[in-house]
C-alpha cells in the first residue's frame, strides 16, 4: 500500500496501523505526534487507527535539550 510519509511516497504493509507503522520505522511512541490526513491521532488509538491507500501521514519527533549555563 502506498502512503505519503512526511512528504515522501512510501510503501507499507497492506494491513497497517499507526502503531505498526511506528514499529516498522523503529520509532518509539513516547516522544512523537502523528497526524493522519490532517488530523492528530491520539496515542490511545494508535493500535486501532488503520492506514488506508494514499493516506498522508506526518510524524513529528519531540527532542529535549537546552543549554546549561
PDB file of N, CA and C in Angstrom:
ATOM      1  N   UNK A   1       0.848  -1.165   0.000  1.00  0.00           N
ATOM      2  CA  UNK A   1       0.000   0.000   0.000  1.00  0.00           C
ATOM      3  C   UNK A   1       0.901   1.238   0.000  1.00  0.00           C
ATOM      4  N   UNK A   2       0.530   2.241  -0.748  1.00  0.00           N
ATOM      5  CA  UNK A   2       1.288   3.482  -0.840  1.00  0.00           C
ATOM      6  C   UNK A   2       0.669   4.556   0.058  1.00  0.00           C
ATOM      7  N   UNK A   3       1.529   5.204   0.844  1.00  0.00           N
ATOM      8  CA  UNK A   3       1.117   6.365   1.630  1.00  0.00           C
ATOM      9  C   UNK A   3       2.139   7.470   1.404  1.00  0.00           C
ATOM     10  N   UNK A   4       1.801   8.670   1.811  1.00  0.00           N
ATOM     11  CA  UNK A   4       2.770   9.752   1.828  1.00  0.00           C
ATOM     12  C   UNK A   4       3.193   9.936   3.274  1.00  0.00           C
ATOM     13  N   UNK A   5       4.471   9.752   3.533  1.00  0.00           N
ATOM     14  CA  UNK A   5       5.011   9.820   4.883  1.00  0.00           C
ATOM     15  C   UNK A   5       5.993  10.978   4.952  1.00  0.00           C
ATOM     16  N   UNK A   6       5.631  11.988   5.721  1.00  0.00           N
ATOM     17  CA  UNK A   6       6.464  13.191   5.854  1.00  0.00           C
ATOM     18  C   UNK A   6       6.889  13.726   4.490  1.00  0.00           C
ATOM     19  N   UNK A   7       5.939  13.732   3.554  1.00  0.00           N
ATOM     20  CA  UNK A   7       6.166  14.316   2.244  1.00  0.00           C
ATOM     21  C   UNK A   7       6.707  13.377   1.180  1.00  0.00           C
ATOM     22  N   UNK A   8       7.047  12.137   1.535  1.00  0.00           N
ATOM     23  CA  UNK A   8       7.603  11.180   0.579  1.00  0.00           C
ATOM     24  C   UNK A   8       6.657   9.992   0.389  1.00  0.00           C
ATOM     25  N   UNK A   9       6.466   9.562  -0.860  1.00  0.00           N
ATOM     26  CA  UNK A   9       5.680   8.358  -1.127  1.00  0.00           C
ATOM     27  C   UNK A   9       6.431   7.162  -0.555  1.00  0.00           C
ATOM     28  N   UNK A  10       5.707   6.312   0.177  1.00  0.00           N
ATOM     29  CA  UNK A  10       6.313   5.191   0.888  1.00  0.00           C
ATOM     30  C   UNK A  10       5.413   3.978   0.773  1.00  0.00           C
ATOM     31  N   UNK A  11       6.006   2.820   0.615  1.00  0.00           N
ATOM     32  CA  UNK A  11       5.285   1.546   0.585  1.00  0.00           C
ATOM     33  C   UNK A  11       5.237   0.974   2.001  1.00  0.00           C
ATOM     34  N   UNK A  12       4.035   0.601   2.465  1.00  0.00           N
ATOM     35  CA  UNK A  12       3.882  -0.020   3.782  1.00  0.00           C
ATOM     36  C   UNK A  12       3.074  -1.298   3.630  1.00  0.00           C
ATOM     37  N   UNK A  13       3.095  -2.124   4.662  1.00  0.00           N
ATOM     38  CA  UNK A  13       2.337  -3.370   4.651  1.00  0.00           C
ATOM     39  C   UNK A  13       0.860  -3.084   4.396  1.00  0.00           C
ATOM     40  N   UNK A  14       0.207  -3.994   3.692  1.00  0.00           N
ATOM     41  CA  UNK A  14      -1.193  -3.805   3.307  1.00  0.00           C
ATOM     42  C   UNK A  14      -2.118  -3.582   4.504  1.00  0.00           C
ATOM     43  N   UNK A  15      -1.918  -4.339   5.568  1.00  0.00           N
ATOM     44  CA  UNK A  15      -2.728  -4.153   6.773  1.00  0.00           C
ATOM     45  C   UNK A  15      -1.847  -3.479   7.815  1.00  0.00           C
ATOM     46  N   UNK A  16      -1.970  -2.169   7.922  1.00  0.00           N
ATOM     47  CA  UNK A  16      -1.112  -1.421   8.829  1.00  0.00           C
ATOM     48  C   UNK A  16      -1.942  -0.505   9.702  1.00  0.00           C
ATOM     49  N   UNK A  17      -1.427  -0.283  10.892  1.00  0.00           N
ATOM     50  CA  UNK A  17      -1.993   0.705  11.798  1.00  0.00           C
ATOM     51  C   UNK A  17      -0.903   1.732  12.079  1.00  0.00           C
ATOM     52  N   UNK A  18      -1.274   2.799  12.726  1.00  0.00           N
ATOM     53  CA  UNK A  18      -0.275   3.778  13.126  1.00  0.00           C
ATOM     54  C   UNK A  18       0.773   3.109  14.014  1.00  0.00           C
ATOM     55  N   UNK A  19       0.332   2.263  14.937  1.00  0.00           N
ATOM     56  CA  UNK A  19       1.266   1.571  15.840  1.00  0.00           C
ATOM     57  C   UNK A  19       2.239   0.697  15.057  1.00  0.00           C
ATOM     58  N   UNK A  20       1.742  -0.072  14.090  1.00  0.00           N
ATOM     59  CA  UNK A  20       2.632  -0.953  13.328  1.00  0.00           C
ATOM     60  C   UNK A  20       3.565  -0.146  12.422  1.00  0.00           C
ATOM     61  N   UNK A  21       3.113   0.997  11.938  1.00  0.00           N
ATOM     62  CA  UNK A  21       3.986   1.861  11.144  1.00  0.00           C
ATOM     63  C   UNK A  21       5.150   2.364  11.985  1.00  0.00           C
ATOM     64  N   UNK A  22       4.865   2.799  13.209  1.00  0.00           N
ATOM     65  CA  UNK A  22       5.936   3.266  14.095  1.00  0.00           C
ATOM     66  C   UNK A  22       6.933   2.148  14.383  1.00  0.00           C
ATOM     67  N   UNK A  23       6.423   0.932  14.579  1.00  0.00           N
ATOM     68  CA  UNK A  23       7.309  -0.220  14.809  1.00  0.00           C
ATOM     69  C   UNK A  23       8.156  -0.476  13.572  1.00  0.00           C
ATOM     70  N   UNK A  24       7.517  -0.470  12.393  1.00  0.00           N
ATOM     71  CA  UNK A  24       8.231  -0.697  11.136  1.00  0.00           C
ATOM     72  C   UNK A  24       9.345   0.331  10.944  1.00  0.00           C
ATOM     73  N   UNK A  25       9.108   1.561  11.371  1.00  0.00           N
ATOM     74  CA  UNK A  25      10.084   2.634  11.206  1.00  0.00           C
ATOM     75  C   UNK A  25      11.062   2.733  12.381  1.00  0.00           C
ATOM     76  N   UNK A  26      10.912   1.839  13.372  1.00  0.00           N
ATOM     77  CA  UNK A  26      11.749   1.838  14.585  1.00  0.00           C
ATOM     78  C   UNK A  26      11.666   3.179  15.319  1.00  0.00           C
ATOM     79  N   UNK A  27      10.444   3.689  15.436  1.00  0.00           N
ATOM     80  CA  UNK A  27      10.196   4.946  16.126  1.00  0.00           C
ATOM     81  C   UNK A  27       9.426   4.643  17.406  1.00  0.00           C
ATOM     82  N   UNK A  28       9.964   5.038  18.542  1.00  0.00           N
ATOM     83  CA  UNK A  28       9.254   4.893  19.808  1.00  0.00           C
ATOM     84  C   UNK A  28       8.086   5.870  19.861  1.00  0.00           C
ATOM     85  N   UNK A  29       7.061   5.517  20.573  1.00  0.00           N
ATOM     86  CA  UNK A  29       5.865   6.360  20.592  1.00  0.00           C
ATOM     87  C   UNK A  29       5.851   7.381  21.715  1.00  0.00           C
ATOM     88  N   UNK A  30       6.864   7.371  22.575  1.00  0.00           N
ATOM     89  CA  UNK A  30       6.877   8.267  23.728  1.00  0.00           C
ATOM     90  C   UNK A  30       6.959   9.739  23.346  1.00  0.00           C
ATOM     91  N   UNK A  31       7.805  10.077  22.397  1.00  0.00           N
ATOM     92  CA  UNK A  31       8.052  11.490  22.100  1.00  0.00           C
ATOM     93  C   UNK A  31       7.743  11.834  20.646  1.00  0.00           C
ATOM     94  N   UNK A  32       6.604  11.320  20.159  1.00  0.00           N
ATOM     95  CA  UNK A  32       6.187  11.636  18.803  1.00  0.00           C
ATOM     96  C   UNK A  32       4.725  12.078  18.796  1.00  0.00           C
ATOM     97  N   UNK A  33       4.392  12.792  17.743  1.00  0.00           N
ATOM     98  CA  UNK A  33       2.995  13.105  17.435  1.00  0.00           C
ATOM     99  C   UNK A  33       2.768  12.626  16.012  1.00  0.00           C
ATOM    100  N   UNK A  34       1.591  12.055  15.775  1.00  0.00           N
ATOM    101  CA  UNK A  34       1.263  11.536  14.454  1.00  0.00           C
ATOM    102  C   UNK A  34       0.005  12.232  13.952  1.00  0.00           C
ATOM    103  N   UNK A  35       0.068  12.660  12.698  1.00  0.00           N
ATOM    104  CA  UNK A  35      -1.074  13.281  12.038  1.00  0.00           C
ATOM    105  C   UNK A  35      -1.442  12.408  10.843  1.00  0.00           C
ATOM    106  N   UNK A  36      -2.731  12.105  10.716  1.00  0.00           N
ATOM    107  CA  UNK A  36      -3.221  11.310   9.574  1.00  0.00           C
ATOM    108  C   UNK A  36      -4.225  12.149   8.810  1.00  0.00           C
ATOM    109  N   UNK A  37      -3.911  12.448   7.580  1.00  0.00           N
ATOM    110  CA  UNK A  37      -4.790  13.239   6.708  1.00  0.00           C
ATOM    111  C   UNK A  37      -5.240  14.535   7.374  1.00  0.00           C
ATOM    112  N   UNK A  38      -4.290  15.191   8.049  1.00  0.00           N
ATOM    113  CA  UNK A  38      -4.557  16.493   8.641  1.00  0.00           C
ATOM    114  C   UNK A  38      -5.118  16.471  10.047  1.00  0.00           C
ATOM    115  N   UNK A  39      -5.379  15.273  10.594  1.00  0.00           N
ATOM    116  CA  UNK A  39      -5.928  15.157  11.954  1.00  0.00           C
ATOM    117  C   UNK A  39      -4.918  14.488  12.876  1.00  0.00           C
ATOM    118  N   UNK A  40      -4.749  15.056  14.076  1.00  0.00           N
ATOM    119  CA  UNK A  40      -3.876  14.447  15.078  1.00  0.00           C
ATOM    120  C   UNK A  40      -4.478  13.117  15.517  1.00  0.00           C
ATOM    121  N   UNK A  41      -3.635  12.092  15.590  1.00  0.00           N
ATOM    122  CA  UNK A  41      -4.073  10.778  16.048  1.00  0.00           C
ATOM    123  C   UNK A  41      -3.744  10.650  17.531  1.00  0.00           C
ATOM    124  N   UNK A  42      -4.756  10.480  18.396  1.00  0.00           N
ATOM    125  CA  UNK A  42      -4.465  10.301  19.825  1.00  0.00           C
ATOM    126  C   UNK A  42      -3.650   9.029  20.065  1.00  0.00           C
ATOM    127  N   UNK A  43      -2.655   9.119  20.934  1.00  0.00           N
ATOM    128  CA  UNK A  43      -1.800   7.960  21.224  1.00  0.00           C
ATOM    129  C   UNK A  43      -2.615   6.732  21.628  1.00  0.00           C
ATOM    130  N   UNK A  44      -3.693   6.937  22.349  1.00  0.00           N
ATOM    131  CA  UNK A  44      -4.517   5.815  22.817  1.00  0.00           C
ATOM    132  C   UNK A  44      -5.165   5.043  21.677  1.00  0.00           C
ATOM    133  N   UNK A  45      -5.185   5.616  20.465  1.00  0.00           N
ATOM    134  CA  UNK A  45      -5.835   4.936  19.336  1.00  0.00           C
ATOM    135  C   UNK A  45      -4.846   4.448  18.283  1.00  0.00           C
ATOM    136  N   UNK A  46      -3.545   4.517  18.550  1.00  0.00           N
ATOM    137  CA  UNK A  46      -2.549   4.096  17.557  1.00  0.00           C
ATOM    138  C   UNK A  46      -2.791   2.658  17.065  1.00  0.00           C
ATOM    139  N   UNK A  47      -3.148   1.746  17.978  1.00  0.00           N
ATOM    140  CA  UNK A  47      -3.368   0.339  17.594  1.00  0.00           C
ATOM    141  C   UNK A  47      -4.623   0.167  16.739  1.00  0.00           C
ATOM    142  N   UNK A  48      -5.613   0.995  16.918  1.00  0.00           N
ATOM    143  CA  UNK A  48      -6.880   0.860  16.185  1.00  0.00           C
ATOM    144  C   UNK A  48      -6.912   1.700  14.904  1.00  0.00           C
ATOM    145  N   UNK A  49      -6.049   2.689  14.800  1.00  0.00           N
ATOM    146  CA  UNK A  49      -6.073   3.627  13.675  1.00  0.00           C
ATOM    147  C   UNK A  49      -5.449   2.974  12.437  1.00  0.00           C
ATOM    148  N   UNK A  50      -6.317   2.409  11.572  1.00  0.00           N
ATOM    149  CA  UNK A  50      -5.853   1.721  10.370  1.00  0.00           C
ATOM    150  C   UNK A  50      -5.426   2.728   9.310  1.00  0.00           C
ATOM    151  N   UNK A  51      -4.389   2.369   8.577  1.00  0.00           N
ATOM    152  CA  UNK A  51      -3.933   3.190   7.466  1.00  0.00           C
ATOM    153  C   UNK A  51      -4.621   2.717   6.192  1.00  0.00           C
ATOM    154  N   UNK A  52      -4.866   3.647   5.273  1.00  0.00           N
ATOM    155  CA  UNK A  52      -5.508   3.325   4.007  1.00  0.00           C
ATOM    156  C   UNK A  52      -4.642   3.820   2.858  1.00  0.00           C
ATOM    157  N   UNK A  53      -4.837   3.230   1.704  1.00  0.00           N
ATOM    158  CA  UNK A  53      -4.127   3.644   0.493  1.00  0.00           C
ATOM    159  C   UNK A  53      -4.222   5.156   0.322  1.00  0.00           C
ATOM    160  N   UNK A  54      -3.086   5.773   0.021  1.00  0.00           N
ATOM    161  CA  UNK A  54      -2.977   7.216  -0.245  1.00  0.00           C
ATOM    162  C   UNK A  54      -3.157   8.116   0.974  1.00  0.00           C
ATOM    163  N   UNK A  55      -3.117   7.544   2.183  1.00  0.00           N
ATOM    164  CA  UNK A  55      -3.128   8.390   3.376  1.00  0.00           C
ATOM    165  C   UNK A  55      -1.891   9.281   3.380  1.00  0.00           C
ATOM    166  N   UNK A  56      -2.030  10.427   4.022  1.00  0.00           N
ATOM    167  CA  UNK A  56      -0.900  11.315   4.254  1.00  0.00           C
ATOM    168  C   UNK A  56      -0.606  11.305   5.745  1.00  0.00           C
ATOM    169  N   UNK A  57       0.584  10.848   6.095  1.00  0.00           N
ATOM    170  CA  UNK A  57       1.000  10.710   7.491  1.00  0.00           C
ATOM    171  C   UNK A  57       2.172  11.651   7.749  1.00  0.00           C
ATOM    172  N   UNK A  58       2.065  12.398   8.823  1.00  0.00           N
ATOM    173  CA  UNK A  58       3.169  13.235   9.286  1.00  0.00           C
ATOM    174  C   UNK A  58       3.542  12.755  10.678  1.00  0.00           C
ATOM    175  N   UNK A  59       4.820  12.504  10.894  1.00  0.00           N
ATOM    176  CA  UNK A  59       5.319  12.090  12.202  1.00  0.00           C
ATOM    177  C   UNK A  59       6.308  13.146  12.664  1.00  0.00           C
ATOM    178  N   UNK A  60       6.057  13.681  13.838  1.00  0.00           N
ATOM    179  CA  UNK A  60       6.920  14.713  14.410  1.00  0.00           C
ATOM    180  C   UNK A  60       7.576  14.151  15.664  1.00  0.00           C
ATOM    181  N   UNK A  61       8.893  14.231  15.717  1.00  0.00           N
ATOM    182  CA  UNK A  61       9.657  13.782  16.886  1.00  0.00           C
ATOM    183  C   UNK A  61       9.900  14.985  17.786  1.00  0.00           C
ATOM    184  N   UNK A  62       9.643  14.815  19.064  1.00  0.00           N
ATOM    185  CA  UNK A  62       9.969  15.866  20.034  1.00  0.00           C
ATOM    186  C   UNK A  62      11.344  15.571  20.601  1.00  0.00           C
ATOM    187  N   UNK A  63      12.171  16.584  20.630  1.00  0.00           N
ATOM    188  CA  UNK A  63      13.513  16.420  21.181  1.00  0.00           C
ATOM    189  C   UNK A  63      13.677  17.376  22.358  1.00  0.00           C
ATOM    190  N   UNK A  64      14.327  16.879  23.354  1.00  0.00           N
ATOM    191  CA  UNK A  64      14.603  17.711  24.520  1.00  0.00           C
ATOM    192  C   UNK A  64      15.983  18.324  24.384  1.00  0.00           C
ATOM    193  N   UNK A  65      16.217  19.212  25.215  1.00  0.00           N
ATOM    194  CA  UNK A  65      17.534  19.816  25.174  1.00  0.00           C
ATOM    195  C   UNK A  65      17.494  21.186  25.808  1.00  0.00           C
ATOM    196  N   UNK A  66      18.521  21.853  25.620  1.00  0.00           N
ATOM    197  CA  UNK A  66      18.632  23.175  26.185  1.00  0.00           C
ATOM    198  C   UNK A  66      20.080  23.445  26.506  1.00  0.00           C
ATOM    199  N   UNK A  67      20.282  24.564  27.039  1.00  0.00           N
ATOM    200  CA  UNK A  67      21.640  24.966  27.331  1.00  0.00           C
ATOM    201  C   UNK A  67      21.793  25.138  28.836  1.00  0.00           C
ATOM    202  N   UNK A  68      22.812  24.526  29.360  1.00  0.00           N
ATOM    203  CA  UNK A  68      23.109  24.674  30.769  1.00  0.00           C
ATOM    204  C   UNK A  68      24.189  25.741  30.912  1.00  0.00           C
ATOM    205  N   UNK A  69      23.928  26.668  31.787  1.00  0.00           N
ATOM    206  CA  UNK A  69      24.894  27.762  31.981  1.00  0.00           C
ATOM    207  C   UNK A  69      25.536  27.624  33.344  1.00  0.00           C
TER     208      UNK A  69
END
